[in-house]
């Protein structure tokens, strides 16, 4: 572990001080899964929530990233397509399927991308169901950062939660996992974006 690297995520990495950024509450809404042909999944938390159901309800899924796809495969799901980590990139893929296809977007209460709204406006048949809620963890709110630190943020919410009780100094090294996360950083902060939307890719930048 490198002493001055802080990873703000719901996952950990052996080469960083891992700070859980969110407390997750998994939900189990009543869903008639038989109505749908495919799932859209943009978080591994959805796979965790789906484990509360019988495996027979699983549908082939469009997954936002490799990590999300792996989490879905681990519970017995079939992955249709693995995205690059950005919700906006999924819309063109969805539109390659017949408009008669019925999609179920299994999502968080708060989402960073409006790609599903765009798809709906273009005629895609997509329902949305909230599968989990999140709130800022006490751990990220109470963290004390050492000098000369490198901060790794893996979601817009991890940045927002950190900034509730902390300040990012201009000289602090900042690495983010994607453009959506970068957009919520203060305008005076310099940062680097990882080549891939993965924690390992962020670590490799250091």
N, C-alpha and C. Protein backbone atom coordinates (compact mmCIF):
# COMPACT_ATOMS: atom_id res chain seq x y z
N UNK A 1 0.85 -1.20 0.00
CA UNK A 1 0.00 0.00 0.00
C UNK A 1 0.88 1.25 0.00
N UNK A 2 0.56 2.20 -0.85
CA UNK A 2 1.27 3.47 -0.90
C UNK A 2 0.57 4.46 0.01
N UNK A 3 1.30 5.06 0.94
CA UNK A 3 0.72 5.81 2.05
C UNK A 3 -0.11 7.01 1.64
N UNK A 4 0.23 7.65 0.54
CA UNK A 4 -0.43 8.91 0.20
C UNK A 4 -1.42 8.80 -0.95
N UNK A 5 -1.85 7.59 -1.29
CA UNK A 5 -2.85 7.41 -2.33
C UNK A 5 -4.18 7.06 -1.67
N UNK A 6 -5.18 7.87 -1.92
CA UNK A 6 -6.50 7.65 -1.33
C UNK A 6 -7.48 7.29 -2.43
N UNK A 7 -8.13 6.16 -2.28
CA UNK A 7 -9.12 5.69 -3.25
C UNK A 7 -10.51 5.84 -2.65
N UNK A 8 -11.33 6.68 -3.30
CA UNK A 8 -12.70 6.90 -2.83
C UNK A 8 -13.65 6.10 -3.72
N UNK A 9 -14.15 5.01 -3.17
CA UNK A 9 -14.92 4.06 -3.96
C UNK A 9 -15.69 3.14 -3.03
N UNK A 10 -16.57 2.32 -3.60
CA UNK A 10 -17.19 1.25 -2.82
C UNK A 10 -16.37 -0.04 -2.95
N UNK A 11 -15.28 0.03 -3.73
CA UNK A 11 -14.34 -1.09 -3.86
C UNK A 11 -13.00 -0.68 -3.28
N UNK A 12 -12.12 -1.63 -3.11
CA UNK A 12 -10.80 -1.35 -2.53
C UNK A 12 -9.70 -1.77 -3.49
N UNK A 13 -8.47 -1.34 -3.17
CA UNK A 13 -7.30 -1.73 -3.95
C UNK A 13 -6.12 -1.83 -2.99
N UNK A 14 -5.27 -2.87 -3.11
CA UNK A 14 -4.17 -3.07 -2.16
C UNK A 14 -3.11 -1.97 -2.18
N UNK A 15 -3.03 -1.19 -3.27
CA UNK A 15 -2.01 -0.16 -3.38
C UNK A 15 -2.50 1.22 -2.96
N UNK A 16 -3.65 1.28 -2.31
CA UNK A 16 -4.20 2.57 -1.92
C UNK A 16 -4.87 2.48 -0.55
N UNK A 17 -5.02 3.62 0.09
CA UNK A 17 -5.84 3.71 1.29
C UNK A 17 -7.28 3.80 0.79
N UNK A 18 -8.02 2.74 0.98
CA UNK A 18 -9.35 2.64 0.40
C UNK A 18 -10.39 3.22 1.36
N UNK A 19 -11.10 4.23 0.89
CA UNK A 19 -12.13 4.89 1.68
C UNK A 19 -13.48 4.60 1.05
N UNK A 20 -14.32 3.88 1.78
CA UNK A 20 -15.66 3.62 1.28
C UNK A 20 -16.42 4.94 1.16
N UNK A 21 -16.84 5.29 -0.04
CA UNK A 21 -17.45 6.60 -0.25
C UNK A 21 -18.95 6.62 0.00
N UNK A 22 -19.60 5.47 -0.12
CA UNK A 22 -21.07 5.43 -0.02
C UNK A 22 -21.55 4.28 0.85
N UNK A 23 -22.60 4.53 1.56
CA UNK A 23 -23.34 3.46 2.23
C UNK A 23 -24.50 3.08 1.31
N UNK A 24 -24.61 1.80 0.99
CA UNK A 24 -25.58 1.31 0.02
C UNK A 24 -26.73 0.59 0.72
N UNK A 25 -27.94 0.91 0.31
CA UNK A 25 -29.13 0.18 0.76
C UNK A 25 -29.73 -0.54 -0.44
N UNK A 26 -29.68 -1.87 -0.42
CA UNK A 26 -30.24 -2.66 -1.51
C UNK A 26 -31.75 -2.80 -1.33
N UNK A 27 -32.47 -2.73 -2.44
CA UNK A 27 -33.92 -2.82 -2.42
C UNK A 27 -34.38 -4.09 -3.13
N UNK A 28 -35.62 -4.47 -2.88
CA UNK A 28 -36.20 -5.62 -3.59
C UNK A 28 -37.62 -5.27 -4.03
N UNK A 29 -37.72 -4.43 -5.07
CA UNK A 29 -39.06 -4.06 -5.55
C UNK A 29 -39.76 -5.24 -6.20
N UNK A 30 -41.08 -5.18 -6.20
CA UNK A 30 -41.90 -6.22 -6.83
C UNK A 30 -41.94 -5.95 -8.34
N UNK A 31 -41.33 -6.84 -9.12
CA UNK A 31 -41.19 -6.64 -10.57
C UNK A 31 -41.72 -7.85 -11.31
N UNK A 32 -42.47 -7.61 -12.36
CA UNK A 32 -42.89 -8.70 -13.25
C UNK A 32 -41.83 -8.82 -14.34
N UNK A 33 -40.81 -9.62 -14.07
CA UNK A 33 -39.69 -9.74 -15.00
C UNK A 33 -40.09 -10.38 -16.33
N UNK A 34 -41.21 -11.07 -16.36
CA UNK A 34 -41.63 -11.75 -17.59
C UNK A 34 -41.97 -10.76 -18.71
N UNK A 35 -42.15 -9.49 -18.37
CA UNK A 35 -42.51 -8.49 -19.37
C UNK A 35 -41.31 -8.06 -20.23
N UNK A 36 -40.10 -8.43 -19.81
CA UNK A 36 -38.92 -7.83 -20.42
C UNK A 36 -38.05 -8.85 -21.15
N UNK A 37 -37.38 -8.34 -22.18
CA UNK A 37 -36.45 -9.16 -22.95
C UNK A 37 -35.02 -9.03 -22.45
N UNK A 38 -34.65 -7.80 -22.04
CA UNK A 38 -33.26 -7.52 -21.67
C UNK A 38 -33.20 -6.58 -20.47
N UNK A 39 -32.06 -6.65 -19.76
CA UNK A 39 -31.76 -5.71 -18.69
C UNK A 39 -30.73 -4.68 -19.16
N UNK A 40 -30.75 -3.51 -18.54
CA UNK A 40 -29.65 -2.53 -18.65
C UNK A 40 -29.11 -2.35 -17.24
N UNK A 41 -27.81 -2.58 -17.06
CA UNK A 41 -27.21 -2.54 -15.73
C UNK A 41 -25.98 -1.63 -15.76
N UNK A 42 -25.95 -0.65 -14.86
CA UNK A 42 -24.84 0.31 -14.86
C UNK A 42 -24.08 0.32 -13.54
N UNK A 43 -24.29 -0.69 -12.70
CA UNK A 43 -23.57 -0.76 -11.43
C UNK A 43 -23.53 -2.19 -10.92
N UNK A 44 -22.44 -2.55 -10.28
CA UNK A 44 -22.35 -3.88 -9.67
C UNK A 44 -23.32 -4.01 -8.50
N UNK A 45 -23.77 -2.89 -7.94
CA UNK A 45 -24.74 -2.96 -6.85
C UNK A 45 -26.06 -3.59 -7.31
N UNK A 46 -26.37 -3.44 -8.59
CA UNK A 46 -27.58 -4.05 -9.14
C UNK A 46 -27.48 -5.57 -9.08
N UNK A 47 -26.30 -6.08 -9.41
CA UNK A 47 -26.10 -7.54 -9.32
C UNK A 47 -26.29 -8.01 -7.88
N UNK A 48 -25.80 -7.23 -6.93
CA UNK A 48 -25.98 -7.58 -5.52
C UNK A 48 -27.47 -7.61 -5.16
N UNK A 49 -28.22 -6.62 -5.67
CA UNK A 49 -29.66 -6.57 -5.39
C UNK A 49 -30.40 -7.73 -6.05
N UNK A 50 -29.97 -8.10 -7.26
CA UNK A 50 -30.65 -9.19 -7.98
C UNK A 50 -30.45 -10.54 -7.32
N UNK A 51 -29.43 -10.67 -6.50
CA UNK A 51 -29.21 -11.94 -5.80
C UNK A 51 -30.35 -12.25 -4.83
N UNK A 52 -31.19 -11.27 -4.54
CA UNK A 52 -32.32 -11.48 -3.64
C UNK A 52 -33.50 -12.15 -4.36
N UNK A 53 -33.39 -12.28 -5.67
CA UNK A 53 -34.46 -12.90 -6.46
C UNK A 53 -34.03 -14.29 -6.91
N UNK A 54 -34.98 -15.07 -7.38
CA UNK A 54 -34.68 -16.37 -7.98
C UNK A 54 -33.92 -16.15 -9.27
N UNK A 55 -32.93 -16.97 -9.54
CA UNK A 55 -32.09 -16.78 -10.73
C UNK A 55 -32.84 -16.93 -12.04
N UNK A 56 -34.00 -17.52 -12.00
CA UNK A 56 -34.77 -17.70 -13.23
C UNK A 56 -35.26 -16.37 -13.81
N UNK A 57 -35.21 -15.29 -13.03
CA UNK A 57 -35.69 -14.00 -13.53
C UNK A 57 -34.63 -13.28 -14.36
N UNK A 58 -33.40 -13.77 -14.34
CA UNK A 58 -32.30 -13.06 -15.02
C UNK A 58 -32.51 -13.04 -16.54
N UNK A 59 -32.25 -11.88 -17.12
CA UNK A 59 -32.34 -11.69 -18.57
C UNK A 59 -30.96 -11.32 -19.12
N UNK A 60 -30.72 -11.53 -20.41
CA UNK A 60 -29.48 -11.03 -21.00
C UNK A 60 -29.37 -9.53 -20.76
N UNK A 61 -28.17 -9.07 -20.39
CA UNK A 61 -28.02 -7.68 -19.94
C UNK A 61 -26.96 -6.91 -20.71
N UNK A 62 -27.28 -5.65 -20.93
CA UNK A 62 -26.34 -4.67 -21.45
C UNK A 62 -25.66 -4.05 -20.23
N UNK A 63 -24.35 -4.22 -20.10
CA UNK A 63 -23.62 -3.77 -18.91
C UNK A 63 -22.69 -2.62 -19.25
N UNK A 64 -22.59 -1.66 -18.34
CA UNK A 64 -21.89 -0.42 -18.63
C UNK A 64 -20.37 -0.59 -18.68
N UNK A 65 -19.83 -1.57 -17.95
CA UNK A 65 -18.37 -1.70 -17.86
C UNK A 65 -17.98 -3.15 -17.61
N UNK A 66 -16.67 -3.42 -17.67
CA UNK A 66 -16.18 -4.77 -17.43
C UNK A 66 -16.48 -5.23 -16.01
N UNK A 67 -16.32 -4.31 -15.04
CA UNK A 67 -16.57 -4.67 -13.64
C UNK A 67 -18.04 -5.01 -13.42
N UNK A 68 -18.93 -4.23 -14.03
CA UNK A 68 -20.36 -4.50 -13.92
C UNK A 68 -20.72 -5.82 -14.60
N UNK A 69 -20.15 -6.06 -15.78
CA UNK A 69 -20.41 -7.30 -16.50
C UNK A 69 -19.95 -8.51 -15.68
N UNK A 70 -18.79 -8.40 -15.07
CA UNK A 70 -18.27 -9.51 -14.26
C UNK A 70 -19.18 -9.79 -13.07
N UNK A 71 -19.67 -8.72 -12.43
CA UNK A 71 -20.55 -8.91 -11.27
C UNK A 71 -21.85 -9.60 -11.69
N UNK A 72 -22.33 -9.29 -12.90
CA UNK A 72 -23.56 -9.92 -13.38
C UNK A 72 -23.31 -11.38 -13.76
N UNK A 73 -22.19 -11.65 -14.40
CA UNK A 73 -21.85 -13.03 -14.74
C UNK A 73 -21.68 -13.88 -13.49
N UNK A 74 -21.15 -13.26 -12.43
CA UNK A 74 -20.91 -14.00 -11.18
C UNK A 74 -22.19 -14.48 -10.51
N UNK A 75 -23.32 -13.85 -10.82
CA UNK A 75 -24.59 -14.32 -10.25
C UNK A 75 -25.37 -15.18 -11.25
N UNK A 76 -24.72 -15.51 -12.37
CA UNK A 76 -25.33 -16.40 -13.35
C UNK A 76 -25.98 -15.70 -14.53
N UNK A 77 -25.77 -14.39 -14.67
CA UNK A 77 -26.37 -13.65 -15.76
C UNK A 77 -25.60 -13.73 -17.06
N UNK A 78 -26.29 -13.52 -18.15
CA UNK A 78 -25.68 -13.49 -19.49
C UNK A 78 -25.47 -12.04 -19.91
N UNK A 79 -24.28 -11.72 -20.36
CA UNK A 79 -23.95 -10.35 -20.79
C UNK A 79 -24.10 -10.23 -22.30
N UNK A 80 -24.96 -9.32 -22.73
CA UNK A 80 -25.15 -9.05 -24.16
C UNK A 80 -23.99 -8.26 -24.73
N UNK A 81 -23.60 -7.23 -23.98
CA UNK A 81 -22.60 -6.28 -24.46
C UNK A 81 -21.99 -5.58 -23.25
N UNK A 82 -20.70 -5.31 -23.32
CA UNK A 82 -20.00 -4.59 -22.26
C UNK A 82 -19.55 -3.24 -22.78
N UNK A 83 -20.01 -2.17 -22.13
CA UNK A 83 -19.67 -0.82 -22.55
C UNK A 83 -18.31 -0.36 -22.05
N UNK A 84 -18.01 0.88 -22.32
CA UNK A 84 -16.71 1.46 -21.97
C UNK A 84 -16.74 2.21 -20.65
N UNK A 85 -17.86 2.15 -19.95
CA UNK A 85 -17.96 2.80 -18.65
C UNK A 85 -18.81 4.05 -18.65
N UNK A 86 -19.32 4.44 -19.81
CA UNK A 86 -20.12 5.67 -19.91
C UNK A 86 -21.54 5.32 -20.36
N UNK A 87 -22.52 5.83 -19.60
CA UNK A 87 -23.91 5.58 -19.95
C UNK A 87 -24.28 6.07 -21.33
N UNK A 88 -23.73 7.23 -21.71
CA UNK A 88 -24.08 7.81 -23.00
C UNK A 88 -23.67 6.92 -24.17
N UNK A 89 -22.69 6.05 -23.94
CA UNK A 89 -22.23 5.16 -25.01
C UNK A 89 -23.17 3.97 -25.21
N UNK A 90 -24.10 3.76 -24.29
CA UNK A 90 -24.99 2.61 -24.39
C UNK A 90 -26.16 2.86 -25.35
N UNK A 91 -26.53 4.11 -25.51
CA UNK A 91 -27.70 4.43 -26.33
C UNK A 91 -27.56 3.91 -27.77
N UNK A 92 -26.44 4.13 -28.45
CA UNK A 92 -26.31 3.60 -29.81
C UNK A 92 -26.43 2.07 -29.87
N UNK A 93 -25.97 1.40 -28.82
CA UNK A 93 -26.07 -0.07 -28.78
C UNK A 93 -27.53 -0.50 -28.64
N UNK A 94 -28.26 0.17 -27.75
CA UNK A 94 -29.67 -0.16 -27.54
C UNK A 94 -30.45 0.01 -28.85
N UNK A 95 -30.10 1.04 -29.60
CA UNK A 95 -30.84 1.33 -30.84
C UNK A 95 -30.56 0.34 -31.96
N UNK A 96 -29.56 -0.54 -31.78
CA UNK A 96 -29.32 -1.57 -32.79
C UNK A 96 -30.31 -2.72 -32.65
N UNK A 97 -31.02 -2.78 -31.52
CA UNK A 97 -32.01 -3.82 -31.31
C UNK A 97 -33.37 -3.35 -31.84
N UNK A 98 -34.26 -4.27 -32.19
CA UNK A 98 -35.58 -3.88 -32.69
C UNK A 98 -36.31 -3.01 -31.66
N UNK A 99 -37.10 -2.03 -32.13
CA UNK A 99 -37.85 -1.18 -31.21
C UNK A 99 -38.89 -1.96 -30.43
N UNK A 100 -39.21 -3.15 -30.88
CA UNK A 100 -40.16 -3.99 -30.15
C UNK A 100 -39.54 -4.63 -28.90
N UNK A 101 -38.20 -4.58 -28.81
CA UNK A 101 -37.52 -5.16 -27.64
C UNK A 101 -37.89 -4.38 -26.38
N UNK A 102 -38.16 -5.09 -25.31
CA UNK A 102 -38.55 -4.46 -24.05
C UNK A 102 -37.38 -4.53 -23.07
N UNK A 103 -36.92 -3.38 -22.64
CA UNK A 103 -35.76 -3.26 -21.77
C UNK A 103 -36.19 -2.86 -20.36
N UNK A 104 -35.45 -3.35 -19.38
CA UNK A 104 -35.64 -2.92 -17.99
C UNK A 104 -34.33 -2.37 -17.48
N UNK A 105 -34.33 -1.07 -17.19
CA UNK A 105 -33.15 -0.40 -16.65
C UNK A 105 -33.19 -0.50 -15.13
N UNK A 106 -32.29 -1.30 -14.57
CA UNK A 106 -32.19 -1.51 -13.12
C UNK A 106 -31.14 -0.53 -12.61
N UNK A 107 -31.55 0.42 -11.77
CA UNK A 107 -30.70 1.57 -11.54
C UNK A 107 -30.67 2.00 -10.08
N UNK A 108 -29.81 2.98 -9.84
CA UNK A 108 -29.75 3.65 -8.53
C UNK A 108 -30.85 4.70 -8.46
N UNK A 109 -31.12 5.17 -7.25
CA UNK A 109 -32.11 6.23 -7.08
C UNK A 109 -31.66 7.49 -7.79
N UNK A 110 -30.34 7.78 -7.72
CA UNK A 110 -29.76 8.95 -8.39
C UNK A 110 -28.77 8.46 -9.44
N UNK A 111 -28.91 8.92 -10.68
CA UNK A 111 -28.01 8.50 -11.75
C UNK A 111 -27.34 9.72 -12.38
N UNK A 112 -26.16 9.49 -12.96
CA UNK A 112 -25.37 10.59 -13.51
C UNK A 112 -25.67 10.87 -14.97
N UNK A 113 -26.18 9.88 -15.68
CA UNK A 113 -26.39 10.01 -17.12
C UNK A 113 -27.88 9.96 -17.45
N UNK A 114 -28.27 10.71 -18.49
CA UNK A 114 -29.67 10.73 -18.95
C UNK A 114 -29.84 9.92 -20.23
N UNK A 115 -28.96 8.93 -20.44
CA UNK A 115 -28.99 8.20 -21.71
C UNK A 115 -30.31 7.47 -21.93
N UNK A 116 -30.94 7.00 -20.87
CA UNK A 116 -32.21 6.27 -21.03
C UNK A 116 -33.31 7.20 -21.53
N UNK A 117 -33.32 8.42 -21.02
CA UNK A 117 -34.31 9.40 -21.49
C UNK A 117 -34.14 9.67 -22.98
N UNK A 118 -32.88 9.75 -23.41
CA UNK A 118 -32.58 9.97 -24.84
C UNK A 118 -33.09 8.78 -25.66
N UNK A 119 -32.84 7.58 -25.19
CA UNK A 119 -33.28 6.38 -25.90
C UNK A 119 -34.81 6.33 -26.00
N UNK A 120 -35.48 6.68 -24.91
CA UNK A 120 -36.94 6.69 -24.91
C UNK A 120 -37.49 7.68 -25.93
N UNK A 121 -36.86 8.85 -25.99
CA UNK A 121 -37.31 9.87 -26.95
C UNK A 121 -37.14 9.39 -28.39
N UNK A 122 -36.23 8.47 -28.61
CA UNK A 122 -35.98 7.96 -29.95
C UNK A 122 -36.73 6.65 -30.22
N UNK A 123 -37.68 6.32 -29.34
CA UNK A 123 -38.57 5.20 -29.61
C UNK A 123 -38.27 3.89 -28.93
N UNK A 124 -37.24 3.84 -28.10
CA UNK A 124 -36.90 2.59 -27.42
C UNK A 124 -37.86 2.36 -26.25
N UNK A 125 -38.22 1.10 -26.03
CA UNK A 125 -39.17 0.71 -24.98
C UNK A 125 -38.39 0.32 -23.73
N UNK A 126 -38.26 1.27 -22.79
CA UNK A 126 -37.45 1.05 -21.59
C UNK A 126 -38.23 1.46 -20.35
N UNK A 127 -38.35 0.53 -19.41
CA UNK A 127 -38.88 0.84 -18.09
C UNK A 127 -37.70 0.97 -17.11
N UNK A 128 -37.92 1.70 -16.04
CA UNK A 128 -36.88 1.91 -15.05
C UNK A 128 -37.37 1.50 -13.67
N UNK A 129 -36.48 0.83 -12.93
CA UNK A 129 -36.80 0.43 -11.56
C UNK A 129 -35.59 0.72 -10.67
N UNK A 130 -35.83 1.34 -9.53
CA UNK A 130 -34.75 1.65 -8.58
C UNK A 130 -34.44 0.40 -7.76
N UNK A 131 -33.18 -0.04 -7.82
CA UNK A 131 -32.76 -1.26 -7.12
C UNK A 131 -31.92 -0.98 -5.88
N UNK A 132 -31.39 0.24 -5.77
CA UNK A 132 -30.62 0.57 -4.57
C UNK A 132 -30.55 2.08 -4.37
N UNK A 133 -30.32 2.46 -3.13
CA UNK A 133 -30.13 3.85 -2.76
C UNK A 133 -28.75 3.99 -2.12
N UNK A 134 -28.20 5.18 -2.18
CA UNK A 134 -26.90 5.40 -1.56
C UNK A 134 -26.87 6.75 -0.85
N UNK A 135 -26.01 6.83 0.14
CA UNK A 135 -25.78 8.10 0.83
C UNK A 135 -24.30 8.18 1.20
N UNK A 136 -23.82 9.37 1.46
CA UNK A 136 -22.40 9.55 1.80
C UNK A 136 -22.07 8.81 3.09
N UNK A 137 -20.97 8.11 3.08
CA UNK A 137 -20.56 7.37 4.28
C UNK A 137 -19.91 8.30 5.30
N UNK A 138 -19.95 7.92 6.54
CA UNK A 138 -19.25 8.67 7.58
C UNK A 138 -17.75 8.64 7.34
N UNK A 139 -17.27 7.55 6.77
CA UNK A 139 -15.84 7.38 6.53
C UNK A 139 -15.30 8.47 5.61
N UNK A 140 -16.00 8.76 4.52
CA UNK A 140 -15.51 9.78 3.59
C UNK A 140 -15.72 11.19 4.14
N UNK A 141 -16.74 11.37 4.95
CA UNK A 141 -17.00 12.69 5.50
C UNK A 141 -15.98 13.07 6.58
N UNK A 142 -15.43 12.07 7.26
CA UNK A 142 -14.52 12.33 8.38
C UNK A 142 -13.06 12.13 8.04
N UNK A 143 -12.75 11.82 6.80
CA UNK A 143 -11.37 11.52 6.43
C UNK A 143 -10.45 12.74 6.55
N UNK A 144 -9.26 12.52 7.05
CA UNK A 144 -8.22 13.54 7.11
C UNK A 144 -7.13 13.16 6.10
N UNK A 145 -6.89 14.02 5.13
CA UNK A 145 -5.94 13.72 4.06
C UNK A 145 -4.54 14.22 4.41
N UNK A 146 -3.55 13.36 4.20
CA UNK A 146 -2.16 13.75 4.43
C UNK A 146 -1.68 14.69 3.31
N UNK A 147 -0.60 15.41 3.58
CA UNK A 147 -0.04 16.29 2.56
C UNK A 147 0.55 15.47 1.42
N UNK A 148 0.67 16.11 0.27
CA UNK A 148 1.23 15.46 -0.93
C UNK A 148 0.46 14.19 -1.32
N UNK A 149 -0.84 14.24 -1.12
CA UNK A 149 -1.67 13.06 -1.40
C UNK A 149 -2.08 13.01 -2.87
N UNK A 150 -2.38 11.81 -3.31
CA UNK A 150 -3.04 11.60 -4.60
C UNK A 150 -4.44 11.07 -4.31
N UNK A 151 -5.44 11.72 -4.87
CA UNK A 151 -6.82 11.34 -4.64
C UNK A 151 -7.40 10.68 -5.89
N UNK A 152 -8.02 9.53 -5.73
CA UNK A 152 -8.66 8.82 -6.84
C UNK A 152 -10.16 8.79 -6.57
N UNK A 153 -10.92 9.37 -7.49
CA UNK A 153 -12.38 9.39 -7.37
C UNK A 153 -12.98 8.51 -8.46
N UNK A 154 -13.93 7.66 -8.07
CA UNK A 154 -14.46 6.68 -9.02
C UNK A 154 -15.91 6.94 -9.42
N UNK A 155 -16.48 8.04 -8.96
CA UNK A 155 -17.86 8.39 -9.33
C UNK A 155 -18.11 9.84 -8.97
N UNK A 156 -19.10 10.47 -9.62
CA UNK A 156 -19.46 11.84 -9.24
C UNK A 156 -19.85 11.94 -7.77
N UNK A 157 -20.54 10.93 -7.27
CA UNK A 157 -20.98 10.98 -5.86
C UNK A 157 -19.80 10.93 -4.90
N UNK A 158 -18.73 10.23 -5.26
CA UNK A 158 -17.55 10.18 -4.38
C UNK A 158 -16.91 11.56 -4.25
N UNK A 159 -16.91 12.33 -5.34
CA UNK A 159 -16.40 13.70 -5.29
C UNK A 159 -17.31 14.58 -4.43
N UNK A 160 -18.60 14.50 -4.68
CA UNK A 160 -19.55 15.34 -3.95
C UNK A 160 -19.52 15.04 -2.45
N UNK A 161 -19.42 13.76 -2.09
CA UNK A 161 -19.37 13.39 -0.68
C UNK A 161 -18.08 13.89 -0.03
N UNK A 162 -16.97 13.76 -0.72
CA UNK A 162 -15.70 14.23 -0.18
C UNK A 162 -15.74 15.74 0.07
N UNK A 163 -16.32 16.48 -0.85
CA UNK A 163 -16.33 17.94 -0.76
C UNK A 163 -17.29 18.47 0.29
N UNK A 164 -18.13 17.63 0.85
CA UNK A 164 -19.04 18.10 1.90
C UNK A 164 -18.28 18.61 3.12
N UNK A 165 -17.17 17.93 3.45
CA UNK A 165 -16.40 18.32 4.64
C UNK A 165 -14.91 18.53 4.36
N UNK A 166 -14.52 18.48 3.10
CA UNK A 166 -13.10 18.59 2.75
C UNK A 166 -12.91 19.53 1.56
N UNK A 167 -11.68 19.95 1.38
CA UNK A 167 -11.31 20.80 0.25
C UNK A 167 -10.21 20.12 -0.53
N UNK A 168 -10.28 20.20 -1.84
CA UNK A 168 -9.19 19.70 -2.67
C UNK A 168 -8.27 20.87 -2.99
N UNK A 169 -7.03 20.80 -2.53
CA UNK A 169 -6.09 21.88 -2.78
C UNK A 169 -5.57 21.82 -4.21
N UNK A 170 -5.21 22.97 -4.73
CA UNK A 170 -4.81 23.06 -6.14
C UNK A 170 -3.62 22.19 -6.47
N UNK A 171 -2.72 21.98 -5.50
CA UNK A 171 -1.51 21.19 -5.75
C UNK A 171 -1.72 19.70 -5.53
N UNK A 172 -2.89 19.31 -5.08
CA UNK A 172 -3.17 17.89 -4.86
C UNK A 172 -3.33 17.17 -6.20
N UNK A 173 -2.72 16.00 -6.30
CA UNK A 173 -2.86 15.20 -7.51
C UNK A 173 -4.22 14.49 -7.48
N UNK A 174 -4.97 14.62 -8.57
CA UNK A 174 -6.31 14.04 -8.63
C UNK A 174 -6.43 13.18 -9.88
N UNK A 175 -6.95 11.98 -9.69
CA UNK A 175 -7.22 11.06 -10.81
C UNK A 175 -8.69 10.67 -10.73
N UNK A 176 -9.38 10.72 -11.87
CA UNK A 176 -10.79 10.35 -11.90
C UNK A 176 -11.01 9.23 -12.91
N UNK A 177 -12.08 8.48 -12.70
CA UNK A 177 -12.31 7.28 -13.49
C UNK A 177 -13.02 7.55 -14.81
N UNK A 178 -13.51 8.79 -15.01
CA UNK A 178 -14.20 9.11 -16.26
C UNK A 178 -14.62 10.56 -16.32
N UNK A 179 -15.15 10.96 -17.45
CA UNK A 179 -15.52 12.36 -17.67
C UNK A 179 -16.68 12.81 -16.79
N UNK A 180 -17.62 11.91 -16.48
CA UNK A 180 -18.74 12.28 -15.61
C UNK A 180 -18.25 12.67 -14.23
N UNK A 181 -17.25 11.96 -13.75
CA UNK A 181 -16.66 12.28 -12.44
C UNK A 181 -15.87 13.58 -12.52
N UNK A 182 -15.16 13.78 -13.60
CA UNK A 182 -14.37 15.00 -13.77
C UNK A 182 -15.24 16.26 -13.77
N UNK A 183 -16.44 16.16 -14.29
CA UNK A 183 -17.32 17.33 -14.42
C UNK A 183 -17.71 17.93 -13.09
N UNK A 184 -17.70 17.15 -12.02
CA UNK A 184 -18.15 17.67 -10.72
C UNK A 184 -16.99 18.16 -9.85
N UNK A 185 -15.76 18.10 -10.36
CA UNK A 185 -14.62 18.65 -9.63
C UNK A 185 -14.66 20.18 -9.68
N UNK A 186 -14.15 20.84 -8.64
CA UNK A 186 -14.03 22.31 -8.70
C UNK A 186 -13.23 22.73 -9.93
N UNK A 187 -13.58 23.86 -10.50
CA UNK A 187 -12.98 24.29 -11.78
C UNK A 187 -11.49 24.57 -11.69
N UNK A 188 -10.98 24.83 -10.49
CA UNK A 188 -9.55 25.16 -10.35
C UNK A 188 -8.66 23.95 -10.16
N UNK A 189 -9.25 22.75 -10.19
CA UNK A 189 -8.48 21.53 -9.91
C UNK A 189 -8.01 20.88 -11.21
N UNK A 190 -6.70 20.63 -11.27
CA UNK A 190 -6.14 19.88 -12.38
C UNK A 190 -6.29 18.38 -12.09
N UNK A 191 -6.54 17.60 -13.11
CA UNK A 191 -6.78 16.18 -12.89
C UNK A 191 -6.35 15.38 -14.12
N UNK A 192 -6.26 14.07 -13.92
CA UNK A 192 -6.04 13.14 -15.02
C UNK A 192 -7.20 12.15 -15.05
N UNK A 193 -7.56 11.73 -16.26
CA UNK A 193 -8.62 10.74 -16.43
C UNK A 193 -7.98 9.40 -16.82
N UNK A 194 -8.39 8.34 -16.15
CA UNK A 194 -7.84 7.02 -16.45
C UNK A 194 -8.19 6.60 -17.87
N UNK A 195 -7.31 5.80 -18.46
CA UNK A 195 -7.53 5.34 -19.84
C UNK A 195 -8.76 4.45 -19.92
N UNK A 196 -8.94 3.58 -18.93
CA UNK A 196 -10.11 2.71 -18.85
C UNK A 196 -10.90 3.08 -17.61
N UNK A 197 -12.18 2.75 -17.61
CA UNK A 197 -13.01 3.06 -16.44
C UNK A 197 -12.88 1.93 -15.42
N UNK A 198 -11.67 1.85 -14.85
CA UNK A 198 -11.40 0.84 -13.82
C UNK A 198 -10.44 1.42 -12.79
N UNK A 199 -10.50 0.89 -11.58
CA UNK A 199 -9.60 1.34 -10.52
C UNK A 199 -8.16 1.02 -10.90
N UNK A 200 -7.95 -0.15 -11.48
CA UNK A 200 -6.57 -0.55 -11.87
C UNK A 200 -5.97 0.46 -12.85
N UNK A 201 -6.78 0.95 -13.77
CA UNK A 201 -6.29 1.94 -14.73
C UNK A 201 -5.94 3.25 -14.03
N UNK A 202 -6.70 3.62 -13.01
CA UNK A 202 -6.38 4.82 -12.22
C UNK A 202 -5.05 4.66 -11.50
N UNK A 203 -4.83 3.50 -10.90
CA UNK A 203 -3.58 3.22 -10.17
C UNK A 203 -2.39 3.30 -11.13
N UNK A 204 -2.57 2.81 -12.34
CA UNK A 204 -1.48 2.79 -13.31
C UNK A 204 -1.02 4.20 -13.70
N UNK A 205 -1.88 5.19 -13.54
CA UNK A 205 -1.51 6.56 -13.87
C UNK A 205 -0.53 7.18 -12.89
N UNK A 206 -0.45 6.61 -11.70
CA UNK A 206 0.39 7.19 -10.65
C UNK A 206 1.86 6.85 -10.88
